[in-house]
């Protein structure tokens, strides 16, 4: 993009809070494609996914003075897309007439068992994460639960990007193995 590509998200958010359009542009170009890909996991309609991403960035600009540069901007964006999707579904359901709802929706069995299984797996996963070696656990939580990139984690923990990626790989491999045994 230009002179701002070497700036961290934190620095760009700080500039954005003061109305710097170049900082906004850099953040947009840094995350728009990733957000679009993420939106497409919720919305199969490309136009709807694009609308979600555009709306999120409009809101970022409108609320720029309230942004907290100390919090992960990337996490903020991805959570915003998720909430946009939830609100879209909620609003669509409220506006839908009963005749438009497929008959299968009325005939679906209660999914209490699914919720219980999910909750059990979540507890098991958290227990397994807590048993990982300390650094591995820390890196995994920062990456998978807080949405930080290997670069951000490396800077925070004073470790190389390659070391961070290796810890993520090992933790994921261990958890996948242990959880697959838990499911069986």
N, C-alpha and C. Protein backbone atom coordinates (compact mmCIF):
# COMPACT_ATOMS: atom_id res chain seq x y z
N UNK A 1 0.83 -1.17 0.00
CA UNK A 1 0.00 0.00 0.00
C UNK A 1 0.88 1.24 0.00
N UNK A 2 1.83 1.36 0.84
CA UNK A 2 2.66 2.55 0.84
C UNK A 2 3.50 2.63 2.07
N UNK A 3 3.56 3.83 2.61
CA UNK A 3 4.43 4.06 3.75
C UNK A 3 3.94 3.45 5.06
N UNK A 4 2.68 2.99 5.12
CA UNK A 4 2.14 2.47 6.38
C UNK A 4 2.18 0.95 6.50
N UNK A 5 2.70 0.25 5.51
CA UNK A 5 2.68 -1.21 5.55
C UNK A 5 3.53 -1.78 6.68
N UNK A 6 4.51 -1.04 7.13
CA UNK A 6 5.38 -1.55 8.19
C UNK A 6 4.83 -1.24 9.60
N UNK A 7 3.76 -0.49 9.66
CA UNK A 7 3.16 -0.15 10.96
C UNK A 7 2.35 -1.32 11.50
N UNK A 8 2.33 -1.43 12.82
CA UNK A 8 1.52 -2.47 13.46
C UNK A 8 0.06 -2.03 13.45
N UNK A 9 -0.83 -2.98 13.70
CA UNK A 9 -2.25 -2.66 13.79
C UNK A 9 -2.48 -1.62 14.89
N UNK A 10 -1.77 -1.78 15.99
CA UNK A 10 -1.92 -0.88 17.12
C UNK A 10 -1.59 0.56 16.71
N UNK A 11 -0.50 0.73 15.99
CA UNK A 11 -0.11 2.07 15.52
C UNK A 11 -1.14 2.62 14.55
N UNK A 12 -1.63 1.76 13.66
CA UNK A 12 -2.62 2.20 12.68
C UNK A 12 -3.94 2.59 13.35
N UNK A 13 -4.35 1.83 14.34
CA UNK A 13 -5.60 2.15 15.05
C UNK A 13 -5.45 3.49 15.77
N UNK A 14 -4.30 3.73 16.34
CA UNK A 14 -4.05 5.00 17.01
C UNK A 14 -4.16 6.16 16.01
N UNK A 15 -3.58 5.99 14.83
CA UNK A 15 -3.69 7.01 13.79
C UNK A 15 -5.14 7.16 13.32
N UNK A 16 -5.80 6.03 13.17
CA UNK A 16 -7.20 6.04 12.73
C UNK A 16 -8.08 6.81 13.71
N UNK A 17 -7.81 6.65 15.00
CA UNK A 17 -8.59 7.37 16.02
C UNK A 17 -8.50 8.88 15.82
N UNK A 18 -7.42 9.34 15.21
CA UNK A 18 -7.24 10.77 14.95
C UNK A 18 -7.71 11.14 13.54
N UNK A 19 -8.41 10.22 12.87
CA UNK A 19 -9.00 10.52 11.56
C UNK A 19 -8.08 10.33 10.38
N UNK A 20 -6.99 9.60 10.54
CA UNK A 20 -6.04 9.39 9.45
C UNK A 20 -6.61 8.39 8.44
N UNK A 21 -6.98 8.90 7.27
CA UNK A 21 -7.60 8.08 6.22
C UNK A 21 -6.60 7.06 5.65
N UNK A 22 -5.33 7.40 5.60
CA UNK A 22 -4.33 6.47 5.09
C UNK A 22 -4.22 5.25 6.02
N UNK A 23 -4.35 5.46 7.32
CA UNK A 23 -4.32 4.35 8.28
C UNK A 23 -5.54 3.46 8.06
N UNK A 24 -6.68 4.07 7.84
CA UNK A 24 -7.91 3.31 7.57
C UNK A 24 -7.73 2.47 6.30
N UNK A 25 -7.20 3.09 5.24
CA UNK A 25 -6.97 2.38 3.99
C UNK A 25 -6.04 1.19 4.18
N UNK A 26 -4.97 1.38 4.96
CA UNK A 26 -4.03 0.29 5.20
C UNK A 26 -4.70 -0.86 5.94
N UNK A 27 -5.49 -0.54 6.95
CA UNK A 27 -6.22 -1.59 7.70
C UNK A 27 -7.23 -2.29 6.79
N UNK A 28 -7.87 -1.53 5.94
CA UNK A 28 -8.83 -2.12 5.01
C UNK A 28 -8.13 -3.10 4.07
N UNK A 29 -7.04 -2.66 3.45
CA UNK A 29 -6.33 -3.53 2.51
C UNK A 29 -5.68 -4.72 3.21
N UNK A 30 -5.34 -4.55 4.47
CA UNK A 30 -4.73 -5.61 5.26
C UNK A 30 -5.74 -6.72 5.59
N UNK A 31 -7.01 -6.34 5.80
CA UNK A 31 -7.98 -7.32 6.31
C UNK A 31 -9.21 -7.58 5.43
N UNK A 32 -9.47 -6.79 4.43
CA UNK A 32 -10.71 -6.94 3.66
C UNK A 32 -10.84 -8.33 3.02
N UNK A 33 -9.78 -8.82 2.40
CA UNK A 33 -9.86 -10.13 1.74
C UNK A 33 -10.05 -11.26 2.76
N UNK A 34 -9.36 -11.16 3.89
CA UNK A 34 -9.50 -12.19 4.93
C UNK A 34 -10.92 -12.18 5.50
N UNK A 35 -11.46 -10.99 5.72
CA UNK A 35 -12.83 -10.88 6.24
C UNK A 35 -13.83 -11.40 5.22
N UNK A 36 -13.57 -11.14 3.95
CA UNK A 36 -14.45 -11.63 2.90
C UNK A 36 -14.48 -13.16 2.91
N UNK A 37 -13.33 -13.78 3.00
CA UNK A 37 -13.25 -15.25 3.05
C UNK A 37 -13.99 -15.77 4.28
N UNK A 38 -13.81 -15.10 5.40
CA UNK A 38 -14.49 -15.49 6.63
C UNK A 38 -16.00 -15.32 6.48
N UNK A 39 -16.43 -14.21 5.89
CA UNK A 39 -17.87 -13.96 5.68
C UNK A 39 -18.49 -15.03 4.80
N UNK A 40 -17.75 -15.49 3.83
CA UNK A 40 -18.28 -16.51 2.91
C UNK A 40 -18.49 -17.85 3.61
N UNK A 41 -17.89 -18.03 4.79
CA UNK A 41 -18.17 -19.26 5.54
C UNK A 41 -19.55 -19.19 6.17
N UNK A 42 -20.09 -17.97 6.34
CA UNK A 42 -21.43 -17.80 6.90
C UNK A 42 -22.47 -17.57 5.81
N UNK A 43 -22.12 -16.77 4.82
CA UNK A 43 -23.05 -16.39 3.76
C UNK A 43 -22.60 -17.00 2.45
N UNK A 44 -23.41 -17.87 1.89
CA UNK A 44 -23.04 -18.46 0.60
C UNK A 44 -23.24 -17.44 -0.52
N UNK A 45 -24.05 -16.44 -0.28
CA UNK A 45 -24.29 -15.37 -1.25
C UNK A 45 -23.14 -14.36 -1.17
N UNK A 46 -22.39 -14.24 -2.26
CA UNK A 46 -21.21 -13.37 -2.28
C UNK A 46 -21.59 -11.91 -2.02
N UNK A 47 -22.71 -11.46 -2.56
CA UNK A 47 -23.14 -10.08 -2.34
C UNK A 47 -23.40 -9.80 -0.87
N UNK A 48 -24.02 -10.75 -0.21
CA UNK A 48 -24.31 -10.60 1.22
C UNK A 48 -23.02 -10.57 2.04
N UNK A 49 -22.07 -11.42 1.66
CA UNK A 49 -20.77 -11.44 2.36
C UNK A 49 -20.04 -10.11 2.16
N UNK A 50 -20.07 -9.58 0.93
CA UNK A 50 -19.43 -8.29 0.65
C UNK A 50 -20.11 -7.17 1.44
N UNK A 51 -21.42 -7.24 1.51
CA UNK A 51 -22.17 -6.24 2.27
C UNK A 51 -21.76 -6.26 3.74
N UNK A 52 -21.57 -7.46 4.29
CA UNK A 52 -21.16 -7.59 5.69
C UNK A 52 -19.80 -6.93 5.90
N UNK A 53 -18.84 -7.22 5.03
CA UNK A 53 -17.49 -6.66 5.17
C UNK A 53 -17.53 -5.14 5.04
N UNK A 54 -18.26 -4.64 4.04
CA UNK A 54 -18.35 -3.19 3.85
C UNK A 54 -18.99 -2.52 5.06
N UNK A 55 -20.04 -3.12 5.58
CA UNK A 55 -20.73 -2.57 6.74
C UNK A 55 -19.80 -2.52 7.95
N UNK A 56 -18.99 -3.54 8.12
CA UNK A 56 -18.06 -3.57 9.25
C UNK A 56 -17.06 -2.42 9.13
N UNK A 57 -16.53 -2.20 7.93
CA UNK A 57 -15.55 -1.12 7.78
C UNK A 57 -16.19 0.26 7.87
N UNK A 58 -17.44 0.38 7.46
CA UNK A 58 -18.16 1.65 7.66
C UNK A 58 -18.28 1.92 9.16
N UNK A 59 -18.64 0.90 9.91
CA UNK A 59 -18.76 1.04 11.36
C UNK A 59 -17.41 1.37 12.01
N UNK A 60 -16.34 0.76 11.50
CA UNK A 60 -15.00 1.06 12.03
C UNK A 60 -14.72 2.56 11.86
N UNK A 61 -15.02 3.08 10.66
CA UNK A 61 -14.76 4.50 10.42
C UNK A 61 -15.64 5.37 11.32
N UNK A 62 -16.91 5.02 11.43
CA UNK A 62 -17.83 5.81 12.24
C UNK A 62 -17.46 5.80 13.72
N UNK A 63 -16.93 4.68 14.19
CA UNK A 63 -16.61 4.52 15.61
C UNK A 63 -15.12 4.60 15.89
N UNK A 64 -14.37 5.16 14.96
CA UNK A 64 -12.91 5.18 15.05
C UNK A 64 -12.39 5.80 16.34
N UNK A 65 -13.07 6.80 16.86
CA UNK A 65 -12.60 7.49 18.07
C UNK A 65 -12.75 6.63 19.31
N UNK A 66 -13.59 5.60 19.23
CA UNK A 66 -13.83 4.72 20.38
C UNK A 66 -12.99 3.44 20.33
N UNK A 67 -12.23 3.24 19.25
CA UNK A 67 -11.42 2.03 19.12
C UNK A 67 -10.32 2.02 20.18
N UNK A 68 -10.06 0.84 20.71
CA UNK A 68 -9.02 0.67 21.72
C UNK A 68 -7.80 0.05 21.04
N UNK A 69 -6.74 0.85 20.90
CA UNK A 69 -5.55 0.36 20.20
C UNK A 69 -4.84 -0.75 20.97
N UNK A 70 -5.17 -0.93 22.23
CA UNK A 70 -4.54 -1.99 23.03
C UNK A 70 -5.17 -3.35 22.79
N UNK A 71 -6.35 -3.38 22.19
CA UNK A 71 -7.01 -4.65 21.91
C UNK A 71 -6.74 -5.05 20.47
N UNK A 72 -6.83 -6.33 20.18
CA UNK A 72 -6.54 -6.85 18.85
C UNK A 72 -7.58 -6.35 17.84
N UNK A 73 -7.12 -5.58 16.87
CA UNK A 73 -8.01 -5.06 15.83
C UNK A 73 -8.53 -6.20 14.97
N UNK A 74 -7.67 -7.17 14.70
CA UNK A 74 -8.05 -8.33 13.88
C UNK A 74 -9.20 -9.09 14.56
N UNK A 75 -9.08 -9.34 15.85
CA UNK A 75 -10.13 -10.03 16.59
C UNK A 75 -11.42 -9.23 16.55
N UNK A 76 -11.30 -7.92 16.73
CA UNK A 76 -12.46 -7.03 16.68
C UNK A 76 -13.19 -7.18 15.35
N UNK A 77 -12.45 -7.20 14.24
CA UNK A 77 -13.07 -7.31 12.91
C UNK A 77 -13.79 -8.65 12.74
N UNK A 78 -13.13 -9.74 13.11
CA UNK A 78 -13.73 -11.05 12.91
C UNK A 78 -14.94 -11.25 13.82
N UNK A 79 -14.88 -10.73 15.02
CA UNK A 79 -16.05 -10.81 15.91
C UNK A 79 -17.19 -9.95 15.36
N UNK A 80 -16.86 -8.83 14.76
CA UNK A 80 -17.87 -7.96 14.18
C UNK A 80 -18.61 -8.66 13.04
N UNK A 81 -17.88 -9.39 12.21
CA UNK A 81 -18.51 -10.15 11.12
C UNK A 81 -19.43 -11.21 11.71
N UNK A 82 -18.96 -11.88 12.74
CA UNK A 82 -19.76 -12.93 13.37
C UNK A 82 -21.07 -12.34 13.93
N UNK A 83 -20.96 -11.20 14.63
CA UNK A 83 -22.16 -10.57 15.19
C UNK A 83 -23.08 -10.04 14.08
N UNK A 84 -22.49 -9.55 13.01
CA UNK A 84 -23.29 -9.09 11.87
C UNK A 84 -24.13 -10.26 11.34
N UNK A 85 -23.48 -11.42 11.21
CA UNK A 85 -24.17 -12.61 10.72
C UNK A 85 -25.29 -13.02 11.67
N UNK A 86 -25.02 -13.03 12.97
CA UNK A 86 -26.05 -13.39 13.95
C UNK A 86 -27.23 -12.43 13.87
N UNK A 87 -26.93 -11.14 13.79
CA UNK A 87 -28.00 -10.14 13.70
C UNK A 87 -28.79 -10.29 12.41
N UNK A 88 -28.11 -10.59 11.34
CA UNK A 88 -28.78 -10.78 10.05
C UNK A 88 -29.78 -11.95 10.15
N UNK A 89 -29.33 -13.05 10.71
CA UNK A 89 -30.21 -14.22 10.85
C UNK A 89 -31.37 -13.91 11.78
N UNK A 90 -31.07 -13.24 12.89
CA UNK A 90 -32.14 -12.87 13.83
C UNK A 90 -33.18 -11.99 13.15
N UNK A 91 -32.73 -10.98 12.43
CA UNK A 91 -33.65 -10.07 11.76
C UNK A 91 -34.45 -10.77 10.67
N UNK A 92 -33.78 -11.67 9.97
CA UNK A 92 -34.47 -12.41 8.90
C UNK A 92 -35.57 -13.30 9.49
N UNK A 93 -35.27 -13.94 10.62
CA UNK A 93 -36.27 -14.80 11.26
C UNK A 93 -37.45 -13.98 11.75
N UNK A 94 -37.20 -12.79 12.29
CA UNK A 94 -38.29 -11.95 12.79
C UNK A 94 -39.21 -11.48 11.67
N UNK A 95 -38.65 -11.29 10.48
CA UNK A 95 -39.43 -10.79 9.36
C UNK A 95 -40.06 -11.90 8.52
N UNK A 96 -39.77 -13.13 8.84
CA UNK A 96 -40.26 -14.25 8.06
C UNK A 96 -41.66 -14.65 8.53
N UNK A 97 -42.55 -14.85 7.58
CA UNK A 97 -43.90 -15.29 7.92
C UNK A 97 -43.91 -16.80 8.09
N UNK A 98 -44.85 -17.27 8.86
CA UNK A 98 -44.89 -18.69 9.19
C UNK A 98 -45.06 -19.56 7.95
N UNK A 99 -45.74 -19.05 6.94
CA UNK A 99 -45.95 -19.84 5.72
C UNK A 99 -44.64 -20.05 4.95
N UNK A 100 -43.65 -19.16 5.20
CA UNK A 100 -42.38 -19.24 4.48
C UNK A 100 -41.41 -20.22 5.11
N UNK A 101 -41.67 -20.64 6.33
CA UNK A 101 -40.78 -21.55 7.03
C UNK A 101 -41.03 -22.97 6.51
N UNK A 102 -39.95 -23.64 6.19
CA UNK A 102 -40.07 -25.01 5.66
C UNK A 102 -40.69 -25.92 6.72
N UNK A 103 -41.48 -26.87 6.27
CA UNK A 103 -42.15 -27.80 7.17
C UNK A 103 -41.13 -28.57 8.01
N UNK A 104 -39.96 -28.84 7.45
CA UNK A 104 -38.93 -29.59 8.18
C UNK A 104 -38.52 -28.87 9.45
N UNK A 105 -38.59 -27.54 9.47
CA UNK A 105 -38.22 -26.78 10.65
C UNK A 105 -39.11 -27.14 11.84
N UNK A 106 -40.38 -27.42 11.56
CA UNK A 106 -41.31 -27.78 12.63
C UNK A 106 -41.10 -29.21 13.09
N UNK A 107 -40.54 -30.03 12.23
CA UNK A 107 -40.42 -31.44 12.53
C UNK A 107 -39.05 -31.82 13.08
N UNK A 108 -38.14 -30.86 13.18
CA UNK A 108 -36.80 -31.16 13.68
C UNK A 108 -36.86 -31.57 15.15
N UNK A 109 -36.14 -32.65 15.52
CA UNK A 109 -36.11 -33.05 16.93
C UNK A 109 -35.28 -32.06 17.74
N UNK A 110 -35.52 -32.02 19.00
CA UNK A 110 -34.78 -31.15 19.90
C UNK A 110 -33.31 -31.59 19.92
N UNK A 111 -32.42 -30.63 19.90
CA UNK A 111 -31.00 -30.94 19.82
C UNK A 111 -30.29 -30.75 21.16
N UNK A 112 -30.98 -31.08 22.25
CA UNK A 112 -30.39 -30.95 23.58
C UNK A 112 -29.15 -31.83 23.69
N UNK A 113 -29.24 -33.03 23.11
CA UNK A 113 -28.10 -33.94 23.18
C UNK A 113 -26.87 -33.35 22.49
N UNK A 114 -27.10 -32.68 21.35
CA UNK A 114 -25.99 -32.06 20.64
C UNK A 114 -25.33 -30.98 21.51
N UNK A 115 -26.14 -30.19 22.18
CA UNK A 115 -25.60 -29.14 23.06
C UNK A 115 -24.80 -29.76 24.20
N UNK A 116 -25.32 -30.85 24.76
CA UNK A 116 -24.61 -31.51 25.86
C UNK A 116 -23.27 -32.07 25.38
N UNK A 117 -23.27 -32.68 24.21
CA UNK A 117 -22.02 -33.23 23.65
C UNK A 117 -21.03 -32.10 23.41
N UNK A 118 -21.52 -30.98 22.84
CA UNK A 118 -20.64 -29.84 22.60
C UNK A 118 -20.04 -29.33 23.90
N UNK A 119 -20.87 -29.19 24.93
CA UNK A 119 -20.39 -28.69 26.21
C UNK A 119 -19.36 -29.65 26.82
N UNK A 120 -19.59 -30.95 26.69
CA UNK A 120 -18.62 -31.93 27.19
C UNK A 120 -17.30 -31.81 26.46
N UNK A 121 -17.37 -31.65 25.13
CA UNK A 121 -16.14 -31.50 24.34
C UNK A 121 -15.41 -30.21 24.69
N UNK A 122 -16.16 -29.16 24.94
CA UNK A 122 -15.54 -27.89 25.30
C UNK A 122 -14.80 -28.02 26.63
N UNK A 123 -15.42 -28.68 27.60
CA UNK A 123 -14.77 -28.89 28.90
C UNK A 123 -13.52 -29.75 28.72
N UNK A 124 -13.65 -30.82 27.91
CA UNK A 124 -12.51 -31.70 27.66
C UNK A 124 -11.38 -30.94 26.97
N UNK A 125 -11.72 -30.11 25.99
CA UNK A 125 -10.71 -29.34 25.27
C UNK A 125 -9.99 -28.37 26.21
N UNK A 126 -10.75 -27.68 27.04
CA UNK A 126 -10.13 -26.74 28.00
C UNK A 126 -9.22 -27.47 28.98
N UNK A 127 -9.64 -28.66 29.41
CA UNK A 127 -8.82 -29.45 30.33
C UNK A 127 -7.52 -29.88 29.62
N UNK A 128 -7.63 -30.31 28.36
CA UNK A 128 -6.46 -30.73 27.61
C UNK A 128 -5.51 -29.56 27.35
N UNK A 129 -6.08 -28.40 27.05
CA UNK A 129 -5.25 -27.22 26.83
C UNK A 129 -4.46 -26.89 28.09
N UNK A 130 -5.11 -27.00 29.24
CA UNK A 130 -4.43 -26.68 30.50
C UNK A 130 -3.31 -27.68 30.83
N UNK A 131 -3.33 -28.85 30.19
CA UNK A 131 -2.27 -29.85 30.43
C UNK A 131 -1.08 -29.70 29.48
N UNK A 132 -1.21 -28.83 28.49
CA UNK A 132 -0.09 -28.60 27.56
C UNK A 132 1.06 -27.92 28.31
N UNK A 133 2.28 -28.06 27.79
CA UNK A 133 3.39 -27.32 28.40
C UNK A 133 3.06 -25.82 28.41
N UNK A 134 3.56 -25.11 29.38
CA UNK A 134 3.18 -23.71 29.63
C UNK A 134 3.27 -22.82 28.39
N UNK A 135 4.40 -22.81 27.70
CA UNK A 135 4.57 -21.94 26.55
C UNK A 135 3.62 -22.37 25.42
N UNK A 136 3.51 -23.66 25.20
CA UNK A 136 2.62 -24.18 24.17
C UNK A 136 1.18 -23.77 24.46
N UNK A 137 0.80 -23.89 25.71
CA UNK A 137 -0.55 -23.51 26.15
C UNK A 137 -0.79 -22.02 25.91
N UNK A 138 0.18 -21.22 26.30
CA UNK A 138 0.09 -19.77 26.14
C UNK A 138 -0.04 -19.39 24.67
N UNK A 139 0.80 -19.97 23.83
CA UNK A 139 0.79 -19.68 22.40
C UNK A 139 -0.53 -20.12 21.78
N UNK A 140 -0.99 -21.30 22.13
CA UNK A 140 -2.24 -21.83 21.58
C UNK A 140 -3.42 -20.93 21.95
N UNK A 141 -3.50 -20.54 23.20
CA UNK A 141 -4.61 -19.67 23.66
C UNK A 141 -4.57 -18.32 22.93
N UNK A 142 -3.39 -17.74 22.82
CA UNK A 142 -3.27 -16.45 22.14
C UNK A 142 -3.67 -16.55 20.67
N UNK A 143 -3.29 -17.63 20.03
CA UNK A 143 -3.59 -17.79 18.61
C UNK A 143 -5.03 -18.21 18.35
N UNK A 144 -5.44 -19.29 18.95
CA UNK A 144 -6.75 -19.87 18.62
C UNK A 144 -7.91 -19.24 19.37
N UNK A 145 -7.68 -18.78 20.58
CA UNK A 145 -8.79 -18.23 21.37
C UNK A 145 -8.85 -16.71 21.32
N UNK A 146 -7.70 -16.06 21.15
CA UNK A 146 -7.70 -14.60 21.09
C UNK A 146 -7.48 -14.07 19.68
N UNK A 147 -7.16 -14.98 18.74
CA UNK A 147 -7.05 -14.58 17.34
C UNK A 147 -5.79 -13.81 16.97
N UNK A 148 -4.74 -13.94 17.77
CA UNK A 148 -3.51 -13.22 17.46
C UNK A 148 -2.68 -13.99 16.43
N UNK A 149 -1.98 -13.27 15.61
CA UNK A 149 -1.13 -13.87 14.58
C UNK A 149 0.18 -14.35 15.22
N UNK A 150 0.88 -15.26 14.53
CA UNK A 150 2.19 -15.70 15.04
C UNK A 150 3.17 -14.53 15.23
N UNK A 151 3.09 -13.52 14.36
CA UNK A 151 3.96 -12.35 14.51
C UNK A 151 3.64 -11.59 15.79
N UNK A 152 2.34 -11.38 16.06
CA UNK A 152 1.94 -10.67 17.26
C UNK A 152 2.35 -11.43 18.53
N UNK A 153 2.16 -12.75 18.49
CA UNK A 153 2.51 -13.58 19.63
C UNK A 153 4.02 -13.58 19.85
N UNK A 154 4.77 -13.70 18.75
CA UNK A 154 6.23 -13.68 18.83
C UNK A 154 6.74 -12.40 19.45
N UNK A 155 6.12 -11.29 19.05
CA UNK A 155 6.51 -10.00 19.62
C UNK A 155 6.18 -9.95 21.11
N UNK A 156 5.00 -10.42 21.46
CA UNK A 156 4.55 -10.40 22.86
C UNK A 156 5.38 -11.30 23.76
N UNK A 157 5.72 -12.49 23.27
CA UNK A 157 6.45 -13.47 24.09
C UNK A 157 7.95 -13.49 23.83
N UNK A 158 8.39 -12.64 22.91
CA UNK A 158 9.80 -12.57 22.53
C UNK A 158 10.31 -13.91 22.01
N UNK A 159 9.54 -14.50 21.08
CA UNK A 159 9.91 -15.75 20.42
C UNK A 159 9.84 -15.55 18.92
N UNK A 160 10.54 -16.39 18.17
CA UNK A 160 10.51 -16.26 16.72
C UNK A 160 9.17 -16.75 16.17
N UNK A 161 8.84 -16.26 14.99
CA UNK A 161 7.59 -16.67 14.34
C UNK A 161 7.60 -18.18 14.12
N UNK A 162 8.72 -18.72 13.72
CA UNK A 162 8.85 -20.16 13.46
C UNK A 162 8.60 -20.97 14.75
N UNK A 163 9.11 -20.49 15.86
CA UNK A 163 8.89 -21.17 17.14
C UNK A 163 7.41 -21.14 17.50
N UNK A 164 6.78 -20.00 17.29
CA UNK A 164 5.34 -19.87 17.56
C UNK A 164 4.56 -20.86 16.71
N UNK A 165 4.86 -20.90 15.41
CA UNK A 165 4.16 -21.82 14.51
C UNK A 165 4.36 -23.27 14.93
N UNK A 166 5.57 -23.59 15.40
CA UNK A 166 5.86 -24.95 15.85
C UNK A 166 5.02 -25.30 17.09
N UNK A 167 4.92 -24.36 18.03
CA UNK A 167 4.11 -24.59 19.22
C UNK A 167 2.63 -24.78 18.86
N UNK A 168 2.14 -23.98 17.92
CA UNK A 168 0.74 -24.11 17.48
C UNK A 168 0.53 -25.48 16.85
N UNK A 169 1.47 -25.89 16.01
CA UNK A 169 1.38 -27.20 15.36
C UNK A 169 1.34 -28.32 16.40
N UNK A 170 2.28 -28.29 17.35
CA UNK A 170 2.34 -29.35 18.36
C UNK A 170 1.07 -29.38 19.23
N UNK A 171 0.61 -28.21 19.64
CA UNK A 171 -0.59 -28.15 20.48
C UNK A 171 -1.80 -28.67 19.72
N UNK A 172 -1.95 -28.26 18.47
CA UNK A 172 -3.08 -28.70 17.65
C UNK A 172 -3.03 -30.21 17.44
N UNK A 173 -1.85 -30.72 17.16
CA UNK A 173 -1.68 -32.16 16.95
C UNK A 173 -2.06 -32.93 18.21
N UNK A 174 -1.58 -32.48 19.36
CA UNK A 174 -1.89 -33.14 20.63
C UNK A 174 -3.37 -33.09 20.93
N UNK A 175 -3.97 -31.92 20.78
CA UNK A 175 -5.39 -31.77 21.08
C UNK A 175 -6.27 -32.59 20.14
N UNK A 176 -5.91 -32.59 18.86
CA UNK A 176 -6.68 -33.37 17.88
C UNK A 176 -6.64 -34.86 18.25
N UNK A 177 -5.45 -35.35 18.61
CA UNK A 177 -5.30 -36.76 18.98
C UNK A 177 -6.12 -37.09 20.23
N UNK A 178 -5.96 -36.26 21.25
CA UNK A 178 -6.66 -36.50 22.52
C UNK A 178 -8.18 -36.37 22.37
N UNK A 179 -8.62 -35.37 21.63
CA UNK A 179 -10.07 -35.20 21.46
C UNK A 179 -10.69 -36.30 20.61
N UNK A 180 -9.94 -36.80 19.63
CA UNK A 180 -10.48 -37.88 18.81
C UNK A 180 -10.66 -39.15 19.66
N UNK A 181 -9.78 -39.35 20.63
CA UNK A 181 -9.94 -40.48 21.55
C UNK A 181 -11.12 -40.25 22.48
N UNK A 182 -11.34 -39.00 22.84
CA UNK A 182 -12.45 -38.64 23.72
C UNK A 182 -13.79 -38.88 23.02
N UNK A 183 -13.84 -38.61 21.72
CA UNK A 183 -15.07 -38.75 20.94
C UNK A 183 -15.39 -40.22 20.71
N UNK A 184 -14.37 -41.02 20.50
CA UNK A 184 -14.58 -42.44 20.17
C UNK A 184 -15.22 -43.22 21.28
